[in-house]
Amino acid sequence: MDPLEPFRELARTPDGRVDLTRAALAVARIEHPELDVDEEAARLDALATRSGAAASRGPQAALDQLVAFLFFQEGFRGNDKEYYDPRNSCLNDVLDRRLGIPITLSVLTIEIGRRVGVEVEGVGLPGHFIVGARVAGRRVFLDPFNGGAVLTPERAEEVAARAVGRPVKLEEAHWAPCSKHQIVVRMLRNLKGIYAKREDWERALGVVDRLLVLDAESGVHRRDRGTVLVRIGRLHEGATEWERYLTRFPGAPDAAGFRDELRKVRQQLGSRN
């Protein structure tokens, strides 16, 4: 199968019909090309069955049971020691190792919650992903990276500030539920950063190609594709991507820097002739 096809399907699927489990596992196939998505989805089904959580018990009791099951009984936790390990971004590895980053642990919580009838939504704070659950007409915010701890607005600001390294004042828009498409894009952007940090340019290219399927109009993804191609040594293709970026976004804040980089690449190409 074309590895980009699941993302083309995702791009044309209305958000309410997106299977977030399968979308997250499609992201994991960048690291694990032979991953059996059906088998991994069945593991989540079995986990939900074992949880004993059910909305019929009442929303608060079901949520409490879900949190206790995932983060205490099963031991899922944030991997703060090896945060940039790409396995933290792969839902199958999270199931294997019981370790993840905020967004994968949030996806796990959302998807187990969905299977047992507990309504859980993703919430993208600056630098940190959490979940919100609807209980008796109000929203309760939880931090899956930190054992499902309940977050007050003040505590959430502290968590976000620690993540971005500066004070954060959360506005109403920060609490808005993320769409499934937004969650997948954020997962991919995290993974792109991880691969770039490790200088794993081939996998970084795979991530950028998937991002462009989901957001073809993005100048950032087009620019980054050029950068990755240059890093790999595919200078002609990289220069072409940078030219597209600069033609479309001539006034971008980083345009001058990339014009200079493009000039250097053209000089390298000219010296080969």
Protein backbone atom coordinates (compact mmCIF):
# COMPACT_ATOMS: atom_id res chain seq x y z
CA MET A 1 0.00 0.00 0.00
CA ASP A 2 1.09 3.55 -0.73
CA PRO A 3 2.10 4.84 2.74
CA LEU A 4 0.50 8.21 1.96
CA GLU A 5 -2.91 6.74 1.11
CA PRO A 6 -4.21 6.61 4.73
CA PHE A 7 -3.46 10.34 4.95
CA ARG A 8 -5.19 11.09 1.66
CA GLU A 9 -8.21 9.25 3.02
CA LEU A 10 -7.95 11.18 6.27
CA ALA A 11 -7.79 14.48 4.39
CA ARG A 12 -11.06 13.77 2.59
CA THR A 13 -12.92 12.30 5.58
CA PRO A 14 -15.19 14.59 7.67
CA ASP A 15 -13.76 14.96 11.15
CA GLY A 16 -16.67 13.25 12.86
CA ARG A 17 -16.05 10.11 10.86
CA VAL A 18 -12.29 9.91 11.41
CA ASP A 19 -11.11 6.81 13.27
CA LEU A 20 -8.46 8.39 15.49
CA THR A 21 -7.03 5.01 16.50
CA ARG A 22 -6.25 4.10 12.91
CA ALA A 23 -5.02 7.59 12.09
CA ALA A 24 -2.59 7.50 15.02
CA LEU A 25 -1.40 4.04 13.98
CA ALA A 26 -0.87 5.33 10.43
CA VAL A 27 1.51 7.87 11.96
CA ALA A 28 3.29 5.03 13.78
CA ARG A 29 3.92 3.27 10.47
CA ILE A 30 6.57 5.88 9.67
CA GLU A 31 8.66 4.23 12.38
CA HIS A 32 7.15 0.76 11.88
CA PRO A 33 6.33 0.26 8.17
CA GLU A 34 5.09 -3.32 8.66
CA LEU A 35 2.75 -2.46 11.53
CA ASP A 36 -0.53 -4.41 11.51
CA VAL A 37 -3.09 -1.67 12.17
CA ASP A 38 -5.99 -4.13 12.66
CA GLU A 39 -4.03 -6.05 15.27
CA GLU A 40 -3.06 -2.91 17.17
CA ALA A 41 -6.63 -1.57 17.08
CA ALA A 42 -7.79 -4.88 18.56
CA ARG A 43 -5.35 -4.35 21.44
CA LEU A 44 -7.13 -1.10 22.28
CA ASP A 45 -10.48 -2.89 22.13
CA ALA A 46 -9.20 -5.47 24.62
CA LEU A 47 -7.78 -2.75 26.87
CA ALA A 48 -11.14 -0.99 26.95
CA THR A 49 -12.89 -4.23 27.83
CA ARG A 50 -10.49 -4.81 30.71
CA SER A 51 -10.95 -1.29 32.04
CA GLY A 52 -14.33 -1.95 33.58
CA ALA A 53 -15.26 1.68 32.92
CA ALA A 54 -18.71 2.27 31.52
CA ALA A 55 -20.73 5.44 31.13
CA SER A 56 -23.77 3.60 32.48
CA ARG A 57 -22.18 3.88 35.94
CA GLY A 58 -22.44 7.65 35.67
CA PRO A 59 -20.01 9.99 33.90
CA GLN A 60 -17.88 10.90 36.92
CA ALA A 61 -17.56 7.30 38.15
CA ALA A 62 -16.73 6.12 34.64
CA LEU A 63 -14.08 8.82 34.21
CA ASP A 64 -12.54 8.04 37.60
CA GLN A 65 -12.40 4.35 36.72
CA LEU A 66 -10.87 5.09 33.32
CA VAL A 67 -8.11 7.22 34.89
CA ALA A 68 -7.43 4.69 37.65
CA PHE A 69 -7.25 1.85 35.14
CA LEU A 70 -4.93 3.52 32.63
CA PHE A 71 -2.53 5.36 34.92
CA PHE A 72 -2.49 3.27 38.08
CA GLN A 73 -3.54 -0.27 37.24
CA GLU A 74 -1.93 -0.40 33.77
CA GLY A 75 0.85 2.04 34.61
CA PHE A 76 0.83 4.30 31.54
CA ARG A 77 3.04 7.31 32.20
CA GLY A 78 4.94 10.13 30.59
CA ASN A 79 8.45 9.35 29.45
CA ASP A 80 10.20 12.39 30.87
CA LYS A 81 13.60 10.67 30.83
CA GLU A 82 13.65 9.96 27.07
CA TYR A 83 11.08 12.45 25.87
CA TYR A 84 12.45 12.61 22.31
CA ASP A 85 12.49 8.87 21.69
CA PRO A 86 10.36 8.43 18.52
CA ARG A 87 8.70 5.40 20.09
CA ASN A 88 6.86 7.79 22.40
CA SER A 89 5.00 9.05 19.33
CA CYS A 90 3.92 5.57 18.17
CA LEU A 91 0.69 4.29 19.69
CA ASN A 92 1.75 0.65 19.35
CA ASP A 93 4.97 1.36 21.27
CA VAL A 94 3.00 3.22 23.93
CA LEU A 95 0.91 0.07 24.38
CA ASP A 96 4.05 -2.09 24.56
CA ARG A 97 6.12 0.10 26.87
CA ARG A 98 3.44 1.98 28.84
CA LEU A 99 5.42 5.16 28.04
CA GLY A 100 4.50 8.11 25.87
CA ILE A 101 4.42 11.85 25.38
CA PRO A 102 1.42 14.07 26.15
CA ILE A 103 -0.31 13.70 22.80
CA THR A 104 -0.04 9.91 22.46
CA LEU A 105 -1.16 9.36 26.05
CA SER A 106 -4.03 11.75 25.34
CA VAL A 107 -4.99 9.81 22.20
CA LEU A 108 -4.94 6.63 24.26
CA THR A 109 -7.26 8.23 26.84
CA ILE A 110 -9.59 9.58 24.15
CA GLU A 111 -9.82 6.28 22.32
CA ILE A 112 -10.27 4.05 25.38
CA GLY A 113 -12.84 6.57 26.63
CA ARG A 114 -14.70 6.41 23.33
CA ARG A 115 -14.87 2.63 23.51
CA VAL A 116 -16.46 2.70 26.96
CA GLY A 117 -18.78 5.64 26.32
CA VAL A 118 -16.83 8.35 28.16
CA GLU A 119 -16.62 11.57 26.14
CA VAL A 120 -13.01 12.77 26.13
CA GLU A 121 -11.58 15.47 23.85
CA GLY A 122 -8.07 16.60 23.04
CA VAL A 123 -6.98 20.06 24.16
CA GLY A 124 -3.82 21.59 22.73
CA LEU A 125 -2.26 23.89 25.30
CA PRO A 126 0.94 25.70 24.28
CA GLY A 127 3.70 23.10 24.37
CA HIS A 128 1.59 20.48 26.15
CA PHE A 129 -1.37 18.33 25.14
CA ILE A 130 -4.09 17.41 27.63
CA VAL A 131 -7.67 16.11 27.53
CA GLY A 132 -11.02 17.44 28.64
CA ALA A 133 -13.94 15.26 29.71
CA ARG A 134 -17.56 16.35 29.89
CA VAL A 135 -19.10 15.51 33.26
CA ALA A 136 -22.56 16.69 34.30
CA GLY A 137 -22.49 19.70 32.01
CA ARG A 138 -18.98 20.84 32.91
CA ARG A 139 -15.54 20.12 31.54
CA VAL A 140 -12.87 18.44 33.64
CA PHE A 141 -9.31 18.77 32.36
CA LEU A 142 -6.79 15.97 32.88
CA ASP A 143 -3.08 15.62 32.16
CA PRO A 144 -2.38 12.09 30.85
CA PHE A 145 1.37 12.75 30.85
CA ASN A 146 1.19 13.21 34.61
CA GLY A 147 -0.96 10.28 35.63
CA GLY A 148 -4.28 11.79 34.59
CA ALA A 149 -3.99 14.55 37.19
CA VAL A 150 -6.88 17.03 37.28
CA LEU A 151 -5.80 20.47 36.06
CA THR A 152 -7.19 23.75 37.32
CA PRO A 153 -6.68 26.74 35.00
CA GLU A 154 -3.86 27.95 37.26
CA ARG A 155 -2.14 24.57 37.28
CA ALA A 156 -2.55 24.29 33.49
CA GLU A 157 -0.77 27.62 33.07
CA GLU A 158 2.11 26.30 35.17
CA VAL A 159 2.32 23.13 33.07
CA ALA A 160 2.25 25.09 29.80
CA ALA A 161 4.83 27.59 31.07
CA ARG A 162 7.20 24.77 32.00
CA ALA A 163 6.74 23.22 28.55
CA VAL A 164 7.51 26.38 26.57
CA GLY A 165 10.03 27.87 29.00
CA ARG A 166 8.24 31.17 29.63
CA PRO A 167 5.16 32.47 31.45
CA VAL A 168 1.88 31.57 29.74
CA LYS A 169 -1.50 33.25 30.09
CA LEU A 170 -4.12 30.85 28.81
CA GLU A 171 -7.00 32.38 26.87
CA GLU A 172 -10.41 30.90 26.15
CA ALA A 173 -9.26 29.70 22.71
CA HIS A 174 -6.58 27.50 24.30
CA TRP A 175 -9.29 25.35 25.90
CA ALA A 176 -11.12 24.63 22.65
CA PRO A 177 -11.41 20.93 21.75
CA CYS A 178 -9.02 19.87 18.99
CA SER A 179 -10.39 18.17 15.91
CA LYS A 180 -9.07 14.74 15.04
CA HIS A 181 -7.36 16.22 12.01
CA GLN A 182 -5.61 18.75 14.26
CA ILE A 183 -4.49 15.97 16.60
CA VAL A 184 -2.92 13.98 13.77
CA VAL A 185 -1.16 17.07 12.40
CA ARG A 186 0.23 17.83 15.86
CA MET A 187 1.43 14.24 16.20
CA LEU A 188 3.22 14.52 12.88
CA ARG A 189 4.76 17.88 13.73
CA ASN A 190 6.09 16.46 17.00
CA LEU A 191 7.57 13.50 15.16
CA LYS A 192 9.13 15.75 12.53
CA GLY A 193 10.89 17.66 15.29
CA ILE A 194 12.10 14.44 16.89
CA TYR A 195 13.57 13.11 13.65
CA ALA A 196 15.19 16.46 12.88
CA LYS A 197 16.76 16.49 16.35
CA ARG A 198 18.16 13.00 15.66
CA GLU A 199 19.17 13.99 12.09
CA ASP A 200 17.08 11.10 10.76
CA TRP A 201 16.33 12.98 7.55
CA GLU A 202 14.78 10.12 5.58
CA ARG A 203 12.07 9.61 8.20
CA ALA A 204 11.70 13.37 8.60
CA LEU A 205 10.97 13.54 4.87
CA GLY A 206 8.27 10.89 5.28
CA VAL A 207 6.65 13.00 7.99
CA VAL A 208 6.73 16.18 5.90
CA ASP A 209 5.22 14.35 2.92
CA ARG A 210 2.32 13.27 5.13
CA LEU A 211 1.88 16.79 6.48
CA LEU A 212 1.68 18.12 2.95
CA VAL A 213 -1.07 15.62 2.15
CA LEU A 214 -3.10 16.95 5.08
CA ASP A 215 -2.20 20.62 4.57
CA ALA A 216 -1.05 21.13 1.01
CA GLU A 217 -1.23 24.92 1.24
CA SER A 218 1.20 25.18 4.14
CA GLY A 219 4.29 27.19 3.35
CA VAL A 220 6.05 25.84 6.43
CA HIS A 221 5.74 22.22 5.30
CA ARG A 222 6.92 23.15 1.78
CA ARG A 223 9.89 25.04 3.23
CA ASP A 224 10.74 22.17 5.56
CA ARG A 225 10.54 19.67 2.72
CA GLY A 226 13.19 21.69 0.90
CA THR A 227 15.38 21.76 3.99
CA VAL A 228 15.14 18.00 4.53
CA LEU A 229 15.88 17.27 0.86
CA VAL A 230 18.99 19.46 1.02
CA ARG A 231 20.10 17.66 4.19
CA ILE A 232 19.71 14.33 2.41
CA GLY A 233 21.77 15.62 -0.51
CA ARG A 234 18.93 15.90 -3.03
CA LEU A 235 19.90 19.47 -3.83
CA HIS A 236 17.92 19.97 -7.06
CA GLU A 237 14.67 18.90 -5.39
CA GLY A 238 15.40 20.87 -2.25
CA ALA A 239 16.15 24.04 -4.21
CA THR A 240 12.89 23.61 -6.13
CA GLU A 241 10.91 23.40 -2.90
CA TRP A 242 12.61 26.49 -1.50
CA GLU A 243 11.90 28.35 -4.74
CA ARG A 244 8.21 27.44 -4.45
CA TYR A 245 8.18 28.61 -0.85
CA LEU A 246 9.87 31.95 -1.61
CA THR A 247 7.70 32.59 -4.66
CA ARG A 248 4.53 32.08 -2.67
CA PHE A 249 5.69 33.71 0.57
CA PRO A 250 8.22 36.37 -0.47
CA GLY A 251 7.60 38.41 2.67
CA ALA A 252 7.94 35.54 5.16
CA PRO A 253 10.06 36.45 8.23
CA ASP A 254 12.66 33.84 7.26
CA ALA A 255 12.59 34.61 3.52
CA ALA A 256 15.92 36.48 3.48
CA GLY A 257 17.70 33.62 5.23
CA PHE A 258 16.31 31.06 2.82
CA ARG A 259 17.20 33.18 -0.20
CA ASP A 260 20.77 33.10 1.06
CA GLU A 261 20.62 29.32 1.59
CA LEU A 262 19.12 28.87 -1.87
CA ARG A 263 21.96 30.91 -3.40
CA LYS A 264 24.51 28.65 -1.69
CA VAL A 265 22.77 25.51 -2.96
CA ARG A 266 22.70 26.89 -6.50
CA GLN A 267 26.43 27.59 -6.24
CA GLN A 268 27.02 24.00 -5.15
CA LEU A 269 24.98 22.72 -8.06
CA GLY A 270 26.82 25.02 -10.48
CA SER A 271 30.19 23.79 -9.29
CA ARG A 272 29.21 20.23 -10.22
CA ASN A 273 28.70 21.11 -13.88
